[in-house]
Amino acid sequence: MASKARKQIGLTMRTDLYNGISRLAKENGQTTTYVLEQAAEHYLQFVAPTQNAVRPEVMSHVRRSIDKNRELLKLLAK
């Protein structure tokens, strides 16, 4: 299996967060770098794609508001 290209970065993060990641990595026999890479992959795959989407509960509220104010919207459109 071919190795993946790597890029060295300088990282500044909250001490308590780093300590938690470091402790978790040690407990699981992993490197801190591995855990950070897994977290970044998870973010890119699951979190980032939803950042442009409006939460369903917000859209539900918007739809109720539109329905409630439909007559006013019609009057304003004239």
PDB file of N, CA and C in Angstrom:
ATOM      1  N   MET A   1       0.845  -1.176   0.000  1.00  0.00           N
ATOM      2  CA  MET A   1       0.000   0.000   0.000  1.00  0.00           C
ATOM      3  C   MET A   1       0.893   1.243   0.000  1.00  0.00           C
ATOM      4  N   ALA A   2       0.624   2.165  -0.887  1.00  0.00           N
ATOM      5  CA  ALA A   2       1.420   3.379  -0.983  1.00  0.00           C
ATOM      6  C   ALA A   2       1.136   4.290   0.202  1.00  0.00           C
ATOM      7  N   SER A   3       2.180   4.939   0.694  1.00  0.00           N
ATOM      8  CA  SER A   3       1.976   5.854   1.816  1.00  0.00           C
ATOM      9  C   SER A   3       1.352   7.145   1.305  1.00  0.00           C
ATOM     10  N   LYS A   4       0.578   7.771   2.155  1.00  0.00           N
ATOM     11  CA  LYS A   4      -0.087   9.020   1.785  1.00  0.00           C
ATOM     12  C   LYS A   4       0.873  10.187   2.013  1.00  0.00           C
ATOM     13  N   ALA A   5       0.761  11.183   1.175  1.00  0.00           N
ATOM     14  CA  ALA A   5       1.577  12.384   1.343  1.00  0.00           C
ATOM     15  C   ALA A   5       1.206  13.044   2.663  1.00  0.00           C
ATOM     16  N   ARG A   6       2.185  13.613   3.314  1.00  0.00           N
ATOM     17  CA  ARG A   6       1.949  14.221   4.614  1.00  0.00           C
ATOM     18  C   ARG A   6       2.418  15.668   4.579  1.00  0.00           C
ATOM     19  N   LYS A   7       1.821  16.484   5.421  1.00  0.00           N
ATOM     20  CA  LYS A   7       2.198  17.894   5.537  1.00  0.00           C
ATOM     21  C   LYS A   7       2.360  18.211   7.010  1.00  0.00           C
ATOM     22  N   GLN A   8       3.491  18.759   7.357  1.00  0.00           N
ATOM     23  CA  GLN A   8       3.731  19.141   8.741  1.00  0.00           C
ATOM     24  C   GLN A   8       3.091  20.494   8.993  1.00  0.00           C
ATOM     25  N   ILE A   9       2.368  20.587  10.103  1.00  0.00           N
ATOM     26  CA  ILE A   9       1.693  21.839  10.431  1.00  0.00           C
ATOM     27  C   ILE A   9       2.049  22.254  11.847  1.00  0.00           C
ATOM     28  N   GLY A  10       1.915  23.518  12.109  1.00  0.00           N
ATOM     29  CA  GLY A  10       2.025  24.017  13.469  1.00  0.00           C
ATOM     30  C   GLY A  10       0.608  24.166  13.995  1.00  0.00           C
ATOM     31  N   LEU A  11       0.348  23.693  15.181  1.00  0.00           N
ATOM     32  CA  LEU A  11      -1.015  23.666  15.693  1.00  0.00           C
ATOM     33  C   LEU A  11      -1.054  24.314  17.073  1.00  0.00           C
ATOM     34  N   THR A  12      -1.982  25.214  17.246  1.00  0.00           N
ATOM     35  CA  THR A  12      -2.219  25.808  18.554  1.00  0.00           C
ATOM     36  C   THR A  12      -3.661  25.513  18.913  1.00  0.00           C
ATOM     37  N   MET A  13      -3.854  24.867  20.069  1.00  0.00           N
ATOM     38  CA  MET A  13      -5.210  24.553  20.504  1.00  0.00           C
ATOM     39  C   MET A  13      -5.280  24.668  22.020  1.00  0.00           C
ATOM     40  N   ARG A  14      -6.507  24.651  22.536  1.00  0.00           N
ATOM     41  CA  ARG A  14      -6.689  24.740  23.986  1.00  0.00           C
ATOM     42  C   ARG A  14      -5.952  23.596  24.672  1.00  0.00           C
ATOM     43  N   THR A  15      -5.287  23.913  25.755  1.00  0.00           N
ATOM     44  CA  THR A  15      -4.504  22.923  26.492  1.00  0.00           C
ATOM     45  C   THR A  15      -5.363  21.766  26.970  1.00  0.00           C
ATOM     46  N   ASP A  16      -6.541  22.057  27.523  1.00  0.00           N
ATOM     47  CA  ASP A  16      -7.387  20.980  28.035  1.00  0.00           C
ATOM     48  C   ASP A  16      -7.856  20.052  26.918  1.00  0.00           C
ATOM     49  N   LEU A  17      -8.112  20.615  25.749  1.00  0.00           N
ATOM     50  CA  LEU A  17      -8.535  19.808  24.608  1.00  0.00           C
ATOM     51  C   LEU A  17      -7.391  18.912  24.144  1.00  0.00           C
ATOM     52  N   TYR A  18      -6.214  19.488  24.015  1.00  0.00           N
ATOM     53  CA  TYR A  18      -5.050  18.698  23.599  1.00  0.00           C
ATOM     54  C   TYR A  18      -4.747  17.598  24.608  1.00  0.00           C
ATOM     55  N   ASN A  19      -4.820  17.926  25.886  1.00  0.00           N
ATOM     56  CA  ASN A  19      -4.545  16.921  26.920  1.00  0.00           C
ATOM     57  C   ASN A  19      -5.539  15.766  26.842  1.00  0.00           C
ATOM     58  N   GLY A  20      -6.787  16.078  26.579  1.00  0.00           N
ATOM     59  CA  GLY A  20      -7.801  15.036  26.436  1.00  0.00           C
ATOM     60  C   GLY A  20      -7.529  14.135  25.242  1.00  0.00           C
ATOM     61  N   ILE A  21      -7.166  14.743  24.122  1.00  0.00           N
ATOM     62  CA  ILE A  21      -6.854  13.965  22.920  1.00  0.00           C
ATOM     63  C   ILE A  21      -5.618  13.111  23.155  1.00  0.00           C
ATOM     64  N   SER A  22      -4.615  13.696  23.766  1.00  0.00           N
ATOM     65  CA  SER A  22      -3.374  12.981  24.042  1.00  0.00           C
ATOM     66  C   SER A  22      -3.615  11.798  24.981  1.00  0.00           C
ATOM     67  N   ARG A  23      -4.412  12.020  26.010  1.00  0.00           N
ATOM     68  CA  ARG A  23      -4.727  10.955  26.972  1.00  0.00           C
ATOM     69  C   ARG A  23      -5.508   9.821  26.284  1.00  0.00           C
ATOM     70  N   LEU A  24      -6.485  10.195  25.471  1.00  0.00           N
ATOM     71  CA  LEU A  24      -7.278   9.210  24.740  1.00  0.00           C
ATOM     72  C   LEU A  24      -6.388   8.379  23.810  1.00  0.00           C
ATOM     73  N   ALA A  25      -5.508   9.049  23.102  1.00  0.00           N
ATOM     74  CA  ALA A  25      -4.595   8.347  22.194  1.00  0.00           C
ATOM     75  C   ALA A  25      -3.730   7.345  22.967  1.00  0.00           C
ATOM     76  N   LYS A  26      -3.182   7.777  24.081  1.00  0.00           N
ATOM     77  CA  LYS A  26      -2.319   6.905  24.887  1.00  0.00           C
ATOM     78  C   LYS A  26      -3.095   5.697  25.404  1.00  0.00           C
ATOM     79  N   GLU A  27      -4.322   5.934  25.898  1.00  0.00           N
ATOM     80  CA  GLU A  27      -5.148   4.845  26.424  1.00  0.00           C
ATOM     81  C   GLU A  27      -5.471   3.808  25.341  1.00  0.00           C
ATOM     82  N   ASN A  28      -5.568   4.252  24.097  1.00  0.00           N
ATOM     83  CA  ASN A  28      -5.920   3.354  22.998  1.00  0.00           C
ATOM     84  C   ASN A  28      -4.716   2.866  22.206  1.00  0.00           C
ATOM     85  N   GLY A  29      -3.522   3.191  22.684  1.00  0.00           N
ATOM     86  CA  GLY A  29      -2.314   2.746  21.994  1.00  0.00           C
ATOM     87  C   GLY A  29      -2.131   3.400  20.639  1.00  0.00           C
ATOM     88  N   GLN A  30      -2.588   4.642  20.518  1.00  0.00           N
ATOM     89  CA  GLN A  30      -2.493   5.373  19.255  1.00  0.00           C
ATOM     90  C   GLN A  30      -1.621   6.607  19.457  1.00  0.00           C
ATOM     91  N   THR A  31      -1.258   7.222  18.367  1.00  0.00           N
ATOM     92  CA  THR A  31      -0.523   8.483  18.476  1.00  0.00           C
ATOM     93  C   THR A  31      -1.525   9.637  18.494  1.00  0.00           C
ATOM     94  N   THR A  32      -1.084  10.731  19.045  1.00  0.00           N
ATOM     95  CA  THR A  32      -1.925  11.926  19.061  1.00  0.00           C
ATOM     96  C   THR A  32      -2.211  12.370  17.628  1.00  0.00           C
ATOM     97  N   THR A  33      -1.233  12.261  16.769  1.00  0.00           N
ATOM     98  CA  THR A  33      -1.421  12.624  15.365  1.00  0.00           C
ATOM     99  C   THR A  33      -2.527  11.794  14.734  1.00  0.00           C
ATOM    100  N   TYR A  34      -2.539  10.488  15.003  1.00  0.00           N
ATOM    101  CA  TYR A  34      -3.572   9.613  14.449  1.00  0.00           C
ATOM    102  C   TYR A  34      -4.965  10.055  14.906  1.00  0.00           C
ATOM    103  N   VAL A  35      -5.110  10.349  16.197  1.00  0.00           N
ATOM    104  CA  VAL A  35      -6.415  10.751  16.726  1.00  0.00           C
ATOM    105  C   VAL A  35      -6.848  12.081  16.111  1.00  0.00           C
ATOM    106  N   LEU A  36      -5.926  13.015  15.968  1.00  0.00           N
ATOM    107  CA  LEU A  36      -6.253  14.300  15.338  1.00  0.00           C
ATOM    108  C   LEU A  36      -6.644  14.117  13.869  1.00  0.00           C
ATOM    109  N   GLU A  37      -5.950  13.221  13.160  1.00  0.00           N
ATOM    110  CA  GLU A  37      -6.313  12.946  11.772  1.00  0.00           C
ATOM    111  C   GLU A  37      -7.708  12.337  11.683  1.00  0.00           C
ATOM    112  N   GLN A  38      -8.019  11.420  12.589  1.00  0.00           N
ATOM    113  CA  GLN A  38      -9.345  10.802  12.595  1.00  0.00           C
ATOM    114  C   GLN A  38     -10.421  11.856  12.875  1.00  0.00           C
ATOM    115  N   ALA A  39     -10.140  12.760  13.798  1.00  0.00           N
ATOM    116  CA  ALA A  39     -11.095  13.824  14.116  1.00  0.00           C
ATOM    117  C   ALA A  39     -11.304  14.740  12.905  1.00  0.00           C
ATOM    118  N   ALA A  40     -10.227  15.070  12.209  1.00  0.00           N
ATOM    119  CA  ALA A  40     -10.333  15.926  11.021  1.00  0.00           C
ATOM    120  C   ALA A  40     -11.123  15.225   9.919  1.00  0.00           C
ATOM    121  N   GLU A  41     -10.868  13.931   9.714  1.00  0.00           N
ATOM    122  CA  GLU A  41     -11.613  13.177   8.700  1.00  0.00           C
ATOM    123  C   GLU A  41     -13.101  13.130   9.042  1.00  0.00           C
ATOM    124  N   HIS A  42     -13.413  12.902  10.324  1.00  0.00           N
ATOM    125  CA  HIS A  42     -14.808  12.869  10.758  1.00  0.00           C
ATOM    126  C   HIS A  42     -15.467  14.221  10.490  1.00  0.00           C
ATOM    127  N   TYR A  43     -14.777  15.298  10.819  1.00  0.00           N
ATOM    128  CA  TYR A  43     -15.313  16.641  10.599  1.00  0.00           C
ATOM    129  C   TYR A  43     -15.596  16.875   9.115  1.00  0.00           C
ATOM    130  N   LEU A  44     -14.634  16.530   8.260  1.00  0.00           N
ATOM    131  CA  LEU A  44     -14.803  16.738   6.825  1.00  0.00           C
ATOM    132  C   LEU A  44     -15.936  15.899   6.251  1.00  0.00           C
ATOM    133  N   GLN A  45     -16.105  14.682   6.764  1.00  0.00           N
ATOM    134  CA  GLN A  45     -17.117  13.785   6.219  1.00  0.00           C
ATOM    135  C   GLN A  45     -18.519  14.061   6.754  1.00  0.00           C
ATOM    136  N   PHE A  46     -18.638  14.357   8.040  1.00  0.00           N
ATOM    137  CA  PHE A  46     -19.962  14.431   8.647  1.00  0.00           C
ATOM    138  C   PHE A  46     -20.399  15.822   9.105  1.00  0.00           C
ATOM    139  N   VAL A  47     -19.489  16.628   9.556  1.00  0.00           N
ATOM    140  CA  VAL A  47     -19.867  17.927  10.127  1.00  0.00           C
ATOM    141  C   VAL A  47     -19.895  19.023   9.070  1.00  0.00           C
ATOM    142  N   ALA A  48     -18.815  19.170   8.329  1.00  0.00           N
ATOM    143  CA  ALA A  48     -18.718  20.256   7.352  1.00  0.00           C
ATOM    144  C   ALA A  48     -19.853  20.250   6.330  1.00  0.00           C
ATOM    145  N   PRO A  49     -20.248  19.084   5.799  1.00  0.00           N
ATOM    146  CA  PRO A  49     -21.334  19.108   4.805  1.00  0.00           C
ATOM    147  C   PRO A  49     -22.656  19.641   5.345  1.00  0.00           C
ATOM    148  N   THR A  50     -22.864  19.588   6.643  1.00  0.00           N
ATOM    149  CA  THR A  50     -24.123  20.055   7.213  1.00  0.00           C
ATOM    150  C   THR A  50     -24.084  21.522   7.601  1.00  0.00           C
ATOM    151  N   GLN A  51     -22.941  22.159   7.510  1.00  0.00           N
ATOM    152  CA  GLN A  51     -22.816  23.542   7.945  1.00  0.00           C
ATOM    153  C   GLN A  51     -23.580  24.510   7.049  1.00  0.00           C
ATOM    154  N   ASN A  52     -23.798  24.144   5.792  1.00  0.00           N
ATOM    155  CA  ASN A  52     -24.545  25.014   4.879  1.00  0.00           C
ATOM    156  C   ASN A  52     -26.040  24.743   4.918  1.00  0.00           C
ATOM    157  N   ALA A  53     -26.415  23.680   5.584  1.00  0.00           N
ATOM    158  CA  ALA A  53     -27.831  23.311   5.658  1.00  0.00           C
ATOM    159  C   ALA A  53     -28.470  23.970   6.876  1.00  0.00           C
ATOM    160  N   VAL A  54     -29.717  24.351   6.722  1.00  0.00           N
ATOM    161  CA  VAL A  54     -30.458  24.923   7.846  1.00  0.00           C
ATOM    162  C   VAL A  54     -31.015  23.771   8.680  1.00  0.00           C
ATOM    163  N   ARG A  55     -30.911  23.897   9.981  1.00  0.00           N
ATOM    164  CA  ARG A  55     -31.408  22.842  10.862  1.00  0.00           C
ATOM    165  C   ARG A  55     -32.893  22.613  10.616  1.00  0.00           C
ATOM    166  N   PRO A  56     -33.333  21.350  10.646  1.00  0.00           N
ATOM    167  CA  PRO A  56     -34.739  21.034  10.376  1.00  0.00           C
ATOM    168  C   PRO A  56     -35.710  21.768  11.293  1.00  0.00           C
ATOM    169  N   GLU A  57     -35.361  21.939  12.569  1.00  0.00           N
ATOM    170  CA  GLU A  57     -36.280  22.620  13.486  1.00  0.00           C
ATOM    171  C   GLU A  57     -36.444  24.099  13.121  1.00  0.00           C
ATOM    172  N   VAL A  58     -35.412  24.698  12.540  1.00  0.00           N
ATOM    173  CA  VAL A  58     -35.512  26.084  12.102  1.00  0.00           C
ATOM    174  C   VAL A  58     -36.439  26.174  10.891  1.00  0.00           C
ATOM    175  N   MET A  59     -36.248  25.262   9.936  1.00  0.00           N
ATOM    176  CA  MET A  59     -37.112  25.266   8.748  1.00  0.00           C
ATOM    177  C   MET A  59     -38.560  24.987   9.121  1.00  0.00           C
ATOM    178  N   SER A  60     -38.785  24.139  10.092  1.00  0.00           N
ATOM    179  CA  SER A  60     -40.143  23.855  10.555  1.00  0.00           C
ATOM    180  C   SER A  60     -40.799  25.132  11.082  1.00  0.00           C
ATOM    181  N   HIS A  61     -40.050  25.894  11.851  1.00  0.00           N
ATOM    182  CA  HIS A  61     -40.551  27.160  12.391  1.00  0.00           C
ATOM    183  C   HIS A  61     -40.850  28.152  11.259  1.00  0.00           C
ATOM    184  N   VAL A  62     -39.954  28.223  10.281  1.00  0.00           N
ATOM    185  CA  VAL A  62     -40.144  29.138   9.152  1.00  0.00           C
ATOM    186  C   VAL A  62     -41.420  28.775   8.389  1.00  0.00           C
ATOM    187  N   ARG A  63     -41.611  27.473   8.135  1.00  0.00           N
ATOM    188  CA  ARG A  63     -42.821  27.047   7.405  1.00  0.00           C
ATOM    189  C   ARG A  63     -44.088  27.393   8.174  1.00  0.00           C
ATOM    190  N   ARG A  64     -44.085  27.178   9.499  1.00  0.00           N
ATOM    191  CA  ARG A  64     -45.254  27.529  10.315  1.00  0.00           C
ATOM    192  C   ARG A  64     -45.510  29.027  10.254  1.00  0.00           C
ATOM    193  N   SER A  65     -44.454  29.807  10.315  1.00  0.00           N
ATOM    194  CA  SER A  65     -44.587  31.255  10.265  1.00  0.00           C
ATOM    195  C   SER A  65     -45.160  31.705   8.926  1.00  0.00           C
ATOM    196  N   ILE A  66     -44.686  31.113   7.837  1.00  0.00           N
ATOM    197  CA  ILE A  66     -45.198  31.467   6.510  1.00  0.00           C
ATOM    198  C   ILE A  66     -46.676  31.119   6.415  1.00  0.00           C
ATOM    199  N   ASP A  67     -47.036  29.917   6.876  1.00  0.00           N
ATOM    200  CA  ASP A  67     -48.447  29.515   6.838  1.00  0.00           C
ATOM    201  C   ASP A  67     -49.305  30.467   7.667  1.00  0.00           C
ATOM    202  N   LYS A  68     -48.815  30.826   8.825  1.00  0.00           N
ATOM    203  CA  LYS A  68     -49.550  31.696   9.736  1.00  0.00           C
ATOM    204  C   LYS A  68     -49.745  33.087   9.120  1.00  0.00           C
ATOM    205  N   ASN A  69     -48.762  33.545   8.369  1.00  0.00           N
ATOM    206  CA  ASN A  69     -48.795  34.908   7.831  1.00  0.00           C
ATOM    207  C   ASN A  69     -49.045  34.965   6.331  1.00  0.00           C
ATOM    208  N   ARG A  70     -49.590  33.892   5.774  1.00  0.00           N
ATOM    209  CA  ARG A  70     -49.788  33.824   4.331  1.00  0.00           C
ATOM    210  C   ARG A  70     -50.647  34.975   3.804  1.00  0.00           C
ATOM    211  N   GLU A  71     -51.759  35.296   4.485  1.00  0.00           N
ATOM    212  CA  GLU A  71     -52.644  36.377   4.025  1.00  0.00           C
ATOM    213  C   GLU A  71     -51.925  37.723   4.046  1.00  0.00           C
ATOM    214  N   LEU A  72     -51.161  37.980   5.088  1.00  0.00           N
ATOM    215  CA  LEU A  72     -50.391  39.212   5.160  1.00  0.00           C
ATOM    216  C   LEU A  72     -49.380  39.284   4.023  1.00  0.00           C
ATOM    217  N   LEU A  73     -48.731  38.162   3.738  1.00  0.00           N
ATOM    218  CA  LEU A  73     -47.762  38.126   2.649  1.00  0.00           C
ATOM    219  C   LEU A  73     -48.439  38.439   1.300  1.00  0.00           C
ATOM    220  N   LYS A  74     -49.648  37.919   1.115  1.00  0.00           N
ATOM    221  CA  LYS A  74     -50.384  38.199  -0.119  1.00  0.00           C
ATOM    222  C   LYS A  74     -50.700  39.695  -0.224  1.00  0.00           C
ATOM    223  N   LEU A  75     -51.134  40.296   0.885  1.00  0.00           N
ATOM    224  CA  LEU A  75     -51.450  41.720   0.868  1.00  0.00           C
ATOM    225  C   LEU A  75     -50.201  42.567   0.601  1.00  0.00           C
ATOM    226  N   LEU A  76     -49.105  42.189   1.195  1.00  0.00           N
ATOM    227  CA  LEU A  76     -47.864  42.932   0.999  1.00  0.00           C
ATOM    228  C   LEU A  76     -47.340  42.791  -0.429  1.00  0.00           C
ATOM    229  N   ALA A  77     -47.634  41.673  -1.069  1.00  0.00           N
ATOM    230  CA  ALA A  77     -47.156  41.429  -2.430  1.00  0.00           C
ATOM    231  C   ALA A  77     -47.890  42.283  -3.453  1.00  0.00           C
ATOM    232  N   LYS A  78     -49.094  42.785  -3.102  1.00  0.00           N
ATOM    233  CA  LYS A  78     -49.888  43.582  -4.055  1.00  0.00           C
ATOM    234  C   LYS A  78     -49.331  44.958  -4.245  1.00  0.00           C
TER     235      LYS A  78
END
